[in-house]
Amino acid sequence: CVLNLVPDKQKAFSEIIRILKPGGHFCISDIVLKGE
């Protein structure tokens, strides 16, 4: 429940893939919307 607080989510996910080892993975719980 943190990535939704980050203004630049593209940069956040880019940083995550940078620090992951080859073959690594993420598991993220977060809040998303459906509808306006």
PDB file of all heavy atoms in Angstrom:
ATOM      1  N   CYS A   1       0.821  -1.214   0.000  1.00  0.00           N
ATOM      2  CA  CYS A   1       0.000   0.000   0.000  1.00  0.00           C
ATOM      3  C   CYS A   1       0.858   1.268   0.000  1.00  0.00           C
ATOM      4  O   CYS A   1       0.569   2.220   0.720  1.00  0.00           O
ATOM      5  CB  CYS A   1      -0.963   0.013   1.185  1.00  0.00           C
ATOM      6  SG  CYS A   1      -2.540   0.833   0.817  1.00  0.00           S
ATOM      7  N   VAL A   2       1.897   1.268  -0.832  1.00  0.00           N
ATOM      8  CA  VAL A   2       2.829   2.394  -0.872  1.00  0.00           C
ATOM      9  C   VAL A   2       3.005   2.961  -2.275  1.00  0.00           C
ATOM     10  O   VAL A   2       3.087   4.174  -2.451  1.00  0.00           O
ATOM     11  CB  VAL A   2       4.212   1.971  -0.307  1.00  0.00           C
ATOM     12  CG1 VAL A   2       5.229   3.092  -0.462  1.00  0.00           C
ATOM     13  CG2 VAL A   2       4.091   1.577   1.159  1.00  0.00           C
ATOM     14  N   LEU A   3       3.052   2.111  -3.292  1.00  0.00           N
ATOM     15  CA  LEU A   3       3.287   2.594  -4.657  1.00  0.00           C
ATOM     16  C   LEU A   3       2.223   3.594  -5.095  1.00  0.00           C
ATOM     17  O   LEU A   3       2.503   4.507  -5.878  1.00  0.00           O
ATOM     18  CB  LEU A   3       3.341   1.429  -5.646  1.00  0.00           C
ATOM     19  CG  LEU A   3       4.720   0.824  -5.932  1.00  0.00           C
ATOM     20  CD1 LEU A   3       5.583   1.760  -6.739  1.00  0.00           C
ATOM     21  CD2 LEU A   3       5.435   0.368  -4.678  1.00  0.00           C
ATOM     22  N   ASN A   4       0.998   3.442  -4.585  1.00  0.00           N
ATOM     23  CA  ASN A   4      -0.057   4.404  -4.935  1.00  0.00           C
ATOM     24  C   ASN A   4       0.241   5.800  -4.414  1.00  0.00           C
ATOM     25  O   ASN A   4      -0.343   6.780  -4.884  1.00  0.00           O
ATOM     26  CB  ASN A   4      -1.419   3.919  -4.417  1.00  0.00           C
ATOM     27  CG  ASN A   4      -1.409   3.647  -2.926  1.00  0.00           C
ATOM     28  OD1 ASN A   4      -1.443   4.573  -2.120  1.00  0.00           O
ATOM     29  ND2 ASN A   4      -1.336   2.386  -2.542  1.00  0.00           N
ATOM     30  N   LEU A   5       1.153   5.910  -3.445  1.00  0.00           N
ATOM     31  CA  LEU A   5       1.517   7.211  -2.886  1.00  0.00           C
ATOM     32  C   LEU A   5       2.630   7.896  -3.672  1.00  0.00           C
ATOM     33  O   LEU A   5       2.917   9.064  -3.443  1.00  0.00           O
ATOM     34  CB  LEU A   5       1.976   7.052  -1.433  1.00  0.00           C
ATOM     35  CG  LEU A   5       0.998   6.385  -0.464  1.00  0.00           C
ATOM     36  CD1 LEU A   5       1.679   6.158   0.878  1.00  0.00           C
ATOM     37  CD2 LEU A   5      -0.251   7.222  -0.302  1.00  0.00           C
ATOM     38  N   VAL A   6       3.265   7.172  -4.575  1.00  0.00           N
ATOM     39  CA  VAL A   6       4.416   7.696  -5.313  1.00  0.00           C
ATOM     40  C   VAL A   6       3.937   8.446  -6.551  1.00  0.00           C
ATOM     41  O   VAL A   6       3.235   7.885  -7.393  1.00  0.00           O
ATOM     42  CB  VAL A   6       5.360   6.545  -5.729  1.00  0.00           C
ATOM     43  CG1 VAL A   6       6.535   7.077  -6.544  1.00  0.00           C
ATOM     44  CG2 VAL A   6       5.849   5.797  -4.503  1.00  0.00           C
ATOM     45  N   PRO A   7       4.313   9.711  -6.704  1.00  0.00           N
ATOM     46  CA  PRO A   7       3.838  10.481  -7.865  1.00  0.00           C
ATOM     47  C   PRO A   7       4.255   9.889  -9.206  1.00  0.00           C
ATOM     48  O   PRO A   7       3.442   9.805 -10.130  1.00  0.00           O
ATOM     49  CB  PRO A   7       4.469  11.865  -7.644  1.00  0.00           C
ATOM     50  CG  PRO A   7       4.646  11.972  -6.171  1.00  0.00           C
ATOM     51  CD  PRO A   7       5.018  10.571  -5.733  1.00  0.00           C
ATOM     52  N   ASP A   8       5.524   9.470  -9.353  1.00  0.00           N
ATOM     53  CA  ASP A   8       6.020   8.944 -10.626  1.00  0.00           C
ATOM     54  C   ASP A   8       6.117   7.430 -10.542  1.00  0.00           C
ATOM     55  O   ASP A   8       7.154   6.865 -10.188  1.00  0.00           O
ATOM     56  CB  ASP A   8       7.383   9.555 -10.949  1.00  0.00           C
ATOM     57  CG  ASP A   8       7.848   9.247 -12.377  1.00  0.00           C
ATOM     58  OD1 ASP A   8       7.307   8.304 -12.983  1.00  0.00           O
ATOM     59  OD2 ASP A   8       8.747   9.955 -12.871  1.00  0.00           O
ATOM     60  N   LYS A   9       5.016   6.762 -10.862  1.00  0.00           N
ATOM     61  CA  LYS A   9       4.974   5.309 -10.724  1.00  0.00           C
ATOM     62  C   LYS A   9       5.823   4.616 -11.775  1.00  0.00           C
ATOM     63  O   LYS A   9       6.356   3.527 -11.538  1.00  0.00           O
ATOM     64  CB  LYS A   9       3.526   4.841 -10.748  1.00  0.00           C
ATOM     65  CG  LYS A   9       2.751   5.340  -9.520  1.00  0.00           C
ATOM     66  CD  LYS A   9       1.273   5.066  -9.624  1.00  0.00           C
ATOM     67  CE  LYS A   9       0.533   5.558  -8.376  1.00  0.00           C
ATOM     68  NZ  LYS A   9       0.674   7.017  -8.123  1.00  0.00           N
ATOM     69  N   GLN A  10       5.956   5.212 -12.952  1.00  0.00           N
ATOM     70  CA  GLN A  10       6.832   4.653 -13.985  1.00  0.00           C
ATOM     71  C   GLN A  10       8.271   4.586 -13.466  1.00  0.00           C
ATOM     72  O   GLN A  10       8.953   3.567 -13.614  1.00  0.00           O
ATOM     73  CB  GLN A  10       6.774   5.525 -15.244  1.00  0.00           C
ATOM     74  CG  GLN A  10       7.648   5.027 -16.392  1.00  0.00           C
ATOM     75  CD  GLN A  10       6.900   4.147 -17.358  1.00  0.00           C
ATOM     76  OE1 GLN A  10       5.681   4.250 -17.466  1.00  0.00           O
ATOM     77  NE2 GLN A  10       7.614   3.282 -18.053  1.00  0.00           N
ATOM     78  N   LYS A  11       8.720   5.650 -12.856  1.00  0.00           N
ATOM     79  CA  LYS A  11      10.065   5.677 -12.295  1.00  0.00           C
ATOM     80  C   LYS A  11      10.203   4.672 -11.161  1.00  0.00           C
ATOM     81  O   LYS A  11      11.241   3.998 -11.030  1.00  0.00           O
ATOM     82  CB  LYS A  11      10.384   7.100 -11.789  1.00  0.00           C
ATOM     83  CG  LYS A  11      11.758   7.250 -11.152  1.00  0.00           C
ATOM     84  CD  LYS A  11      12.866   6.961 -12.144  1.00  0.00           C
ATOM     85  CE  LYS A  11      14.234   7.260 -11.535  1.00  0.00           C
ATOM     86  NZ  LYS A  11      15.336   6.812 -12.425  1.00  0.00           N
ATOM     87  N   ALA A  12       9.175   4.549 -10.341  1.00  0.00           N
ATOM     88  CA  ALA A  12       9.220   3.604  -9.226  1.00  0.00           C
ATOM     89  C   ALA A  12       9.399   2.174  -9.726  1.00  0.00           C
ATOM     90  O   ALA A  12      10.260   1.435  -9.226  1.00  0.00           O
ATOM     91  CB  ALA A  12       7.948   3.717  -8.390  1.00  0.00           C
ATOM     92  N   PHE A  13       8.611   1.773 -10.712  1.00  0.00           N
ATOM     93  CA  PHE A  13       8.729   0.407 -11.224  1.00  0.00           C
ATOM     94  C   PHE A  13      10.039   0.208 -11.981  1.00  0.00           C
ATOM     95  O   PHE A  13      10.584  -0.907 -12.004  1.00  0.00           O
ATOM     96  CB  PHE A  13       7.529   0.059 -12.101  1.00  0.00           C
ATOM     97  CG  PHE A  13       6.311  -0.332 -11.317  1.00  0.00           C
ATOM     98  CD1 PHE A  13       5.212   0.513 -11.229  1.00  0.00           C
ATOM     99  CD2 PHE A  13       6.256  -1.539 -10.642  1.00  0.00           C
ATOM    100  CE1 PHE A  13       4.086   0.160 -10.490  1.00  0.00           C
ATOM    101  CE2 PHE A  13       5.140  -1.916  -9.901  1.00  0.00           C
ATOM    102  CZ  PHE A  13       4.054  -1.055  -9.827  1.00  0.00           C
ATOM    103  N   SER A  14      10.575   1.270 -12.574  1.00  0.00           N
ATOM    104  CA  SER A  14      11.891   1.183 -13.210  1.00  0.00           C
ATOM    105  C   SER A  14      12.988   0.971 -12.183  1.00  0.00           C
ATOM    106  O   SER A  14      13.941   0.212 -12.404  1.00  0.00           O
ATOM    107  CB  SER A  14      12.172   2.459 -14.012  1.00  0.00           C
ATOM    108  OG  SER A  14      11.262   2.596 -15.081  1.00  0.00           O
ATOM    109  N   GLU A  15      12.867   1.641 -11.034  1.00  0.00           N
ATOM    110  CA  GLU A  15      13.828   1.460  -9.963  1.00  0.00           C
ATOM    111  C   GLU A  15      13.753   0.045  -9.382  1.00  0.00           C
ATOM    112  O   GLU A  15      14.769  -0.557  -9.047  1.00  0.00           O
ATOM    113  CB  GLU A  15      13.592   2.493  -8.857  1.00  0.00           C
ATOM    114  CG  GLU A  15      14.202   3.841  -9.132  1.00  0.00           C
ATOM    115  CD  GLU A  15      15.718   3.782  -9.040  1.00  0.00           C
ATOM    116  OE1 GLU A  15      16.263   3.889  -7.932  1.00  0.00           O
ATOM    117  OE2 GLU A  15      16.357   3.604 -10.087  1.00  0.00           O
ATOM    118  N   ILE A  16      12.551  -0.481  -9.283  1.00  0.00           N
ATOM    119  CA  ILE A  16      12.393  -1.844  -8.757  1.00  0.00           C
ATOM    120  C   ILE A  16      13.083  -2.854  -9.659  1.00  0.00           C
ATOM    121  O   ILE A  16      13.813  -3.742  -9.182  1.00  0.00           O
ATOM    122  CB  ILE A  16      10.902  -2.182  -8.576  1.00  0.00           C
ATOM    123  CG1 ILE A  16      10.293  -1.334  -7.457  1.00  0.00           C
ATOM    124  CG2 ILE A  16      10.724  -3.672  -8.260  1.00  0.00           C
ATOM    125  CD1 ILE A  16       8.781  -1.413  -7.374  1.00  0.00           C
ATOM    126  N   ILE A  17      12.879  -2.712 -10.975  1.00  0.00           N
ATOM    127  CA  ILE A  17      13.506  -3.681 -11.892  1.00  0.00           C
ATOM    128  C   ILE A  17      15.028  -3.526 -11.885  1.00  0.00           C
ATOM    129  O   ILE A  17      15.771  -4.490 -12.071  1.00  0.00           O
ATOM    130  CB  ILE A  17      12.925  -3.542 -13.315  1.00  0.00           C
ATOM    131  CG1 ILE A  17      13.073  -4.870 -14.074  1.00  0.00           C
ATOM    132  CG2 ILE A  17      13.556  -2.395 -14.094  1.00  0.00           C
ATOM    133  CD1 ILE A  17      12.313  -4.930 -15.382  1.00  0.00           C
ATOM    134  N   ARG A  18      15.504  -2.313 -11.613  1.00  0.00           N
ATOM    135  CA  ARG A  18      16.952  -2.076 -11.540  1.00  0.00           C
ATOM    136  C   ARG A  18      17.579  -2.823 -10.365  1.00  0.00           C
ATOM    137  O   ARG A  18      18.663  -3.415 -10.507  1.00  0.00           O
ATOM    138  CB  ARG A  18      17.225  -0.577 -11.400  1.00  0.00           C
ATOM    139  CG  ARG A  18      18.715  -0.241 -11.259  1.00  0.00           C
ATOM    140  CD  ARG A  18      18.964   1.225 -11.021  1.00  0.00           C
ATOM    141  NE  ARG A  18      18.465   1.708  -9.731  1.00  0.00           N
ATOM    142  CZ  ARG A  18      19.090   1.518  -8.571  1.00  0.00           C
ATOM    143  NH1 ARG A  18      20.222   0.823  -8.511  1.00  0.00           N
ATOM    144  NH2 ARG A  18      18.576   1.994  -7.446  1.00  0.00           N
ATOM    145  N   ILE A  19      16.931  -2.801  -9.210  1.00  0.00           N
ATOM    146  CA  ILE A  19      17.547  -3.417  -8.020  1.00  0.00           C
ATOM    147  C   ILE A  19      17.284  -4.914  -7.930  1.00  0.00           C
ATOM    148  O   ILE A  19      17.910  -5.604  -7.117  1.00  0.00           O
ATOM    149  CB  ILE A  19      17.098  -2.728  -6.715  1.00  0.00           C
ATOM    150  CG1 ILE A  19      15.620  -2.992  -6.419  1.00  0.00           C
ATOM    151  CG2 ILE A  19      17.422  -1.244  -6.752  1.00  0.00           C
ATOM    152  CD1 ILE A  19      15.212  -2.633  -4.988  1.00  0.00           C
ATOM    153  N   LEU A  20      16.377  -5.432  -8.760  1.00  0.00           N
ATOM    154  CA  LEU A  20      16.130  -6.873  -8.764  1.00  0.00           C
ATOM    155  C   LEU A  20      17.261  -7.608  -9.489  1.00  0.00           C
ATOM    156  O   LEU A  20      17.767  -7.154 -10.514  1.00  0.00           O
ATOM    157  CB  LEU A  20      14.806  -7.198  -9.454  1.00  0.00           C
ATOM    158  CG  LEU A  20      13.530  -7.062  -8.630  1.00  0.00           C
ATOM    159  CD1 LEU A  20      12.301  -7.181  -9.531  1.00  0.00           C
ATOM    160  CD2 LEU A  20      13.482  -8.106  -7.514  1.00  0.00           C
ATOM    161  N   LYS A  21      17.626  -8.762  -8.955  1.00  0.00           N
ATOM    162  CA  LYS A  21      18.569  -9.624  -9.651  1.00  0.00           C
ATOM    163  C   LYS A  21      17.905 -10.223 -10.892  1.00  0.00           C
ATOM    164  O   LYS A  21      16.670 -10.337 -10.949  1.00  0.00           O
ATOM    165  CB  LYS A  21      19.016 -10.757  -8.721  1.00  0.00           C
ATOM    166  CG  LYS A  21      19.774 -10.319  -7.493  1.00  0.00           C
ATOM    167  CD  LYS A  21      20.082 -11.517  -6.599  1.00  0.00           C
ATOM    168  CE  LYS A  21      20.793 -11.081  -5.320  1.00  0.00           C
ATOM    169  NZ  LYS A  21      21.061 -12.244  -4.421  1.00  0.00           N
ATOM    170  N   PRO A  22      18.685 -10.624 -11.887  1.00  0.00           N
ATOM    171  CA  PRO A  22      18.104 -11.347 -13.028  1.00  0.00           C
ATOM    172  C   PRO A  22      17.327 -12.564 -12.525  1.00  0.00           C
ATOM    173  O   PRO A  22      17.830 -13.340 -11.714  1.00  0.00           O
ATOM    174  CB  PRO A  22      19.337 -11.756 -13.837  1.00  0.00           C
ATOM    175  CG  PRO A  22      20.372 -10.727 -13.499  1.00  0.00           C
ATOM    176  CD  PRO A  22      20.139 -10.396 -12.049  1.00  0.00           C
ATOM    177  N   GLY A  23      16.104 -12.700 -12.983  1.00  0.00           N
ATOM    178  CA  GLY A  23      15.253 -13.795 -12.525  1.00  0.00           C
ATOM    179  C   GLY A  23      14.499 -13.496 -11.246  1.00  0.00           C
ATOM    180  O   GLY A  23      13.707 -14.323 -10.787  1.00  0.00           O
ATOM    181  N   GLY A  24      14.734 -12.311 -10.671  1.00  0.00           N
ATOM    182  CA  GLY A  24      14.009 -11.924  -9.469  1.00  0.00           C
ATOM    183  C   GLY A  24      12.592 -11.476  -9.783  1.00  0.00           C
ATOM    184  O   GLY A  24      12.179 -11.408 -10.952  1.00  0.00           O
ATOM    185  N   HIS A  25      11.848 -11.161  -8.745  1.00  0.00           N
ATOM    186  CA  HIS A  25      10.461 -10.747  -8.971  1.00  0.00           C
ATOM    187  C   HIS A  25      10.009  -9.822  -7.848  1.00  0.00           C
ATOM    188  O   HIS A  25      10.649  -9.729  -6.798  1.00  0.00           O
ATOM    189  CB  HIS A  25       9.523 -11.952  -9.052  1.00  0.00           C
ATOM    190  CG  HIS A  25       9.469 -12.776  -7.792  1.00  0.00           C
ATOM    191  ND1 HIS A  25      10.359 -13.778  -7.515  1.00  0.00           N
ATOM    192  CD2 HIS A  25       8.618 -12.743  -6.721  1.00  0.00           C
ATOM    193  CE1 HIS A  25      10.064 -14.329  -6.341  1.00  0.00           C
ATOM    194  NE2 HIS A  25       9.016 -13.715  -5.835  1.00  0.00           N
ATOM    195  N   PHE A  26       8.910  -9.117  -8.102  1.00  0.00           N
ATOM    196  CA  PHE A  26       8.300  -8.323  -7.044  1.00  0.00           C
ATOM    197  C   PHE A  26       6.937  -8.894  -6.688  1.00  0.00           C
ATOM    198  O   PHE A  26       6.305  -9.597  -7.478  1.00  0.00           O
ATOM    199  CB  PHE A  26       8.193  -6.833  -7.419  1.00  0.00           C
ATOM    200  CG  PHE A  26       7.151  -6.469  -8.441  1.00  0.00           C
ATOM    201  CD1 PHE A  26       5.795  -6.593  -8.175  1.00  0.00           C
ATOM    202  CD2 PHE A  26       7.521  -5.948  -9.679  1.00  0.00           C
ATOM    203  CE1 PHE A  26       4.820  -6.234  -9.100  1.00  0.00           C
ATOM    204  CE2 PHE A  26       6.567  -5.586 -10.613  1.00  0.00           C
ATOM    205  CZ  PHE A  26       5.204  -5.731 -10.324  1.00  0.00           C
ATOM    206  N   CYS A  27       6.486  -8.585  -5.483  1.00  0.00           N
ATOM    207  CA  CYS A  27       5.128  -8.890  -5.035  1.00  0.00           C
ATOM    208  C   CYS A  27       4.628  -7.664  -4.288  1.00  0.00           C
ATOM    209  O   CYS A  27       5.128  -7.339  -3.208  1.00  0.00           O
ATOM    210  CB  CYS A  27       5.103 -10.126  -4.136  1.00  0.00           C
ATOM    211  SG  CYS A  27       3.425 -10.605  -3.635  1.00  0.00           S
ATOM    212  N   ILE A  28       3.659  -6.985  -4.872  1.00  0.00           N
ATOM    213  CA  ILE A  28       3.214  -5.693  -4.363  1.00  0.00           C
ATOM    214  C   ILE A  28       1.710  -5.702  -4.116  1.00  0.00           C
ATOM    215  O   ILE A  28       0.926  -6.065  -5.002  1.00  0.00           O
ATOM    216  CB  ILE A  28       3.573  -4.568  -5.361  1.00  0.00           C
ATOM    217  CG1 ILE A  28       5.088  -4.387  -5.422  1.00  0.00           C
ATOM    218  CG2 ILE A  28       2.895  -3.257  -4.976  1.00  0.00           C
ATOM    219  CD1 ILE A  28       5.553  -3.436  -6.500  1.00  0.00           C
ATOM    220  N   SER A  29       1.329  -5.315  -2.901  1.00  0.00           N
ATOM    221  CA  SER A  29      -0.085  -5.061  -2.607  1.00  0.00           C
ATOM    222  C   SER A  29      -0.317  -3.560  -2.744  1.00  0.00           C
ATOM    223  O   SER A  29       0.478  -2.761  -2.236  1.00  0.00           O
ATOM    224  CB  SER A  29      -0.435  -5.532  -1.195  1.00  0.00           C
ATOM    225  OG  SER A  29      -0.321  -6.933  -1.080  1.00  0.00           O
ATOM    226  N   ASP A  30      -1.393  -3.190  -3.414  1.00  0.00           N
ATOM    227  CA  ASP A  30      -1.601  -1.781  -3.706  1.00  0.00           C
ATOM    228  C   ASP A  30      -3.080  -1.505  -3.930  1.00  0.00           C
ATOM    229  O   ASP A  30      -3.900  -2.421  -3.992  1.00  0.00           O
ATOM    230  CB  ASP A  30      -0.808  -1.382  -4.957  1.00  0.00           C
ATOM    231  CG  ASP A  30      -0.227   0.014  -4.862  1.00  0.00           C
ATOM    232  OD1 ASP A  30      -0.660   0.787  -3.988  1.00  0.00           O
ATOM    233  OD2 ASP A  30       0.671   0.335  -5.668  1.00  0.00           O
ATOM    234  N   ILE A  31      -3.398  -0.215  -4.045  1.00  0.00           N
ATOM    235  CA  ILE A  31      -4.765   0.223  -4.303  1.00  0.00           C
ATOM    236  C   ILE A  31      -4.889   0.690  -5.747  1.00  0.00           C
ATOM    237  O   ILE A  31      -4.057   1.459  -6.235  1.00  0.00           O
ATOM    238  CB  ILE A  31      -5.164   1.384  -3.358  1.00  0.00           C
ATOM    239  CG1 ILE A  31      -5.124   0.919  -1.907  1.00  0.00           C
ATOM    240  CG2 ILE A  31      -6.546   1.929  -3.706  1.00  0.00           C
ATOM    241  CD1 ILE A  31      -6.094  -0.185  -1.566  1.00  0.00           C
ATOM    242  N   VAL A  32      -5.916   0.191  -6.437  1.00  0.00           N
ATOM    243  CA  VAL A  32      -6.204   0.632  -7.807  1.00  0.00           C
ATOM    244  C   VAL A  32      -7.685   0.974  -7.910  1.00  0.00           C
ATOM    245  O   VAL A  32      -8.492   0.620  -7.037  1.00  0.00           O
ATOM    246  CB  VAL A  32      -5.836  -0.442  -8.848  1.00  0.00           C
ATOM    247  CG1 VAL A  32      -4.338  -0.693  -8.867  1.00  0.00           C
ATOM    248  CG2 VAL A  32      -6.607  -1.737  -8.591  1.00  0.00           C
ATOM    249  N   LEU A  33      -8.020   1.661  -8.993  1.00  0.00           N
ATOM    250  CA  LEU A  33      -9.394   2.112  -9.203  1.00  0.00           C
ATOM    251  C   LEU A  33      -9.998   1.469 -10.445  1.00  0.00           C
ATOM    252  O   LEU A  33      -9.279   1.064 -11.363  1.00  0.00           O
ATOM    253  CB  LEU A  33      -9.419   3.638  -9.390  1.00  0.00           C
ATOM    254  CG  LEU A  33      -8.676   4.495  -8.368  1.00  0.00           C
ATOM    255  CD1 LEU A  33      -8.766   5.963  -8.769  1.00  0.00           C
ATOM    256  CD2 LEU A  33      -9.238   4.281  -6.975  1.00  0.00           C
ATOM    257  N   LYS A  34     -11.305   1.399 -10.444  1.00  0.00           N
ATOM    258  CA  LYS A  34     -12.071   1.063 -11.644  1.00  0.00           C
ATOM    259  C   LYS A  34     -13.193   2.087 -11.735  1.00  0.00           C
ATOM    260  O   LYS A  34     -14.038   2.160 -10.844  1.00  0.00           O
ATOM    261  CB  LYS A  34     -12.630  -0.357 -11.562  1.00  0.00           C
ATOM    262  CG  LYS A  34     -11.570  -1.446 -11.604  1.00  0.00           C
ATOM    263  CD  LYS A  34     -12.194  -2.835 -11.564  1.00  0.00           C
ATOM    264  CE  LYS A  34     -11.121  -3.911 -11.579  1.00  0.00           C
ATOM    265  NZ  LYS A  34     -11.698  -5.290 -11.541  1.00  0.00           N
ATOM    266  N   GLY A  35     -13.167   2.899 -12.783  1.00  0.00           N
ATOM    267  CA  GLY A  35     -14.130   3.983 -12.893  1.00  0.00           C
ATOM    268  C   GLY A  35     -13.520   5.295 -12.441  1.00  0.00           C
ATOM    269  O   GLY A  35     -12.422   5.330 -11.872  1.00  0.00           O
ATOM    270  N   GLU A  36     -14.236   6.389 -12.668  1.00  0.00           N
ATOM    271  CA  GLU A  36     -13.701   7.718 -12.408  1.00  0.00           C
ATOM    272  C   GLU A  36     -13.932   8.182 -10.976  1.00  0.00           C
ATOM    273  O   GLU A  36     -15.036   8.074 -10.446  1.00  0.00           O
ATOM    274  CB  GLU A  36     -14.320   8.727 -13.376  1.00  0.00           C
ATOM    275  CG  GLU A  36     -13.734   8.663 -14.778  1.00  0.00           C
ATOM    276  CD  GLU A  36     -12.234   8.856 -14.791  1.00  0.00           C
ATOM    277  OE1 GLU A  36     -11.746   9.808 -14.136  1.00  0.00           O
ATOM    278  OE2 GLU A  36     -11.541   8.062 -15.437  1.00  0.00           O
TER     279      GLU A  36
END
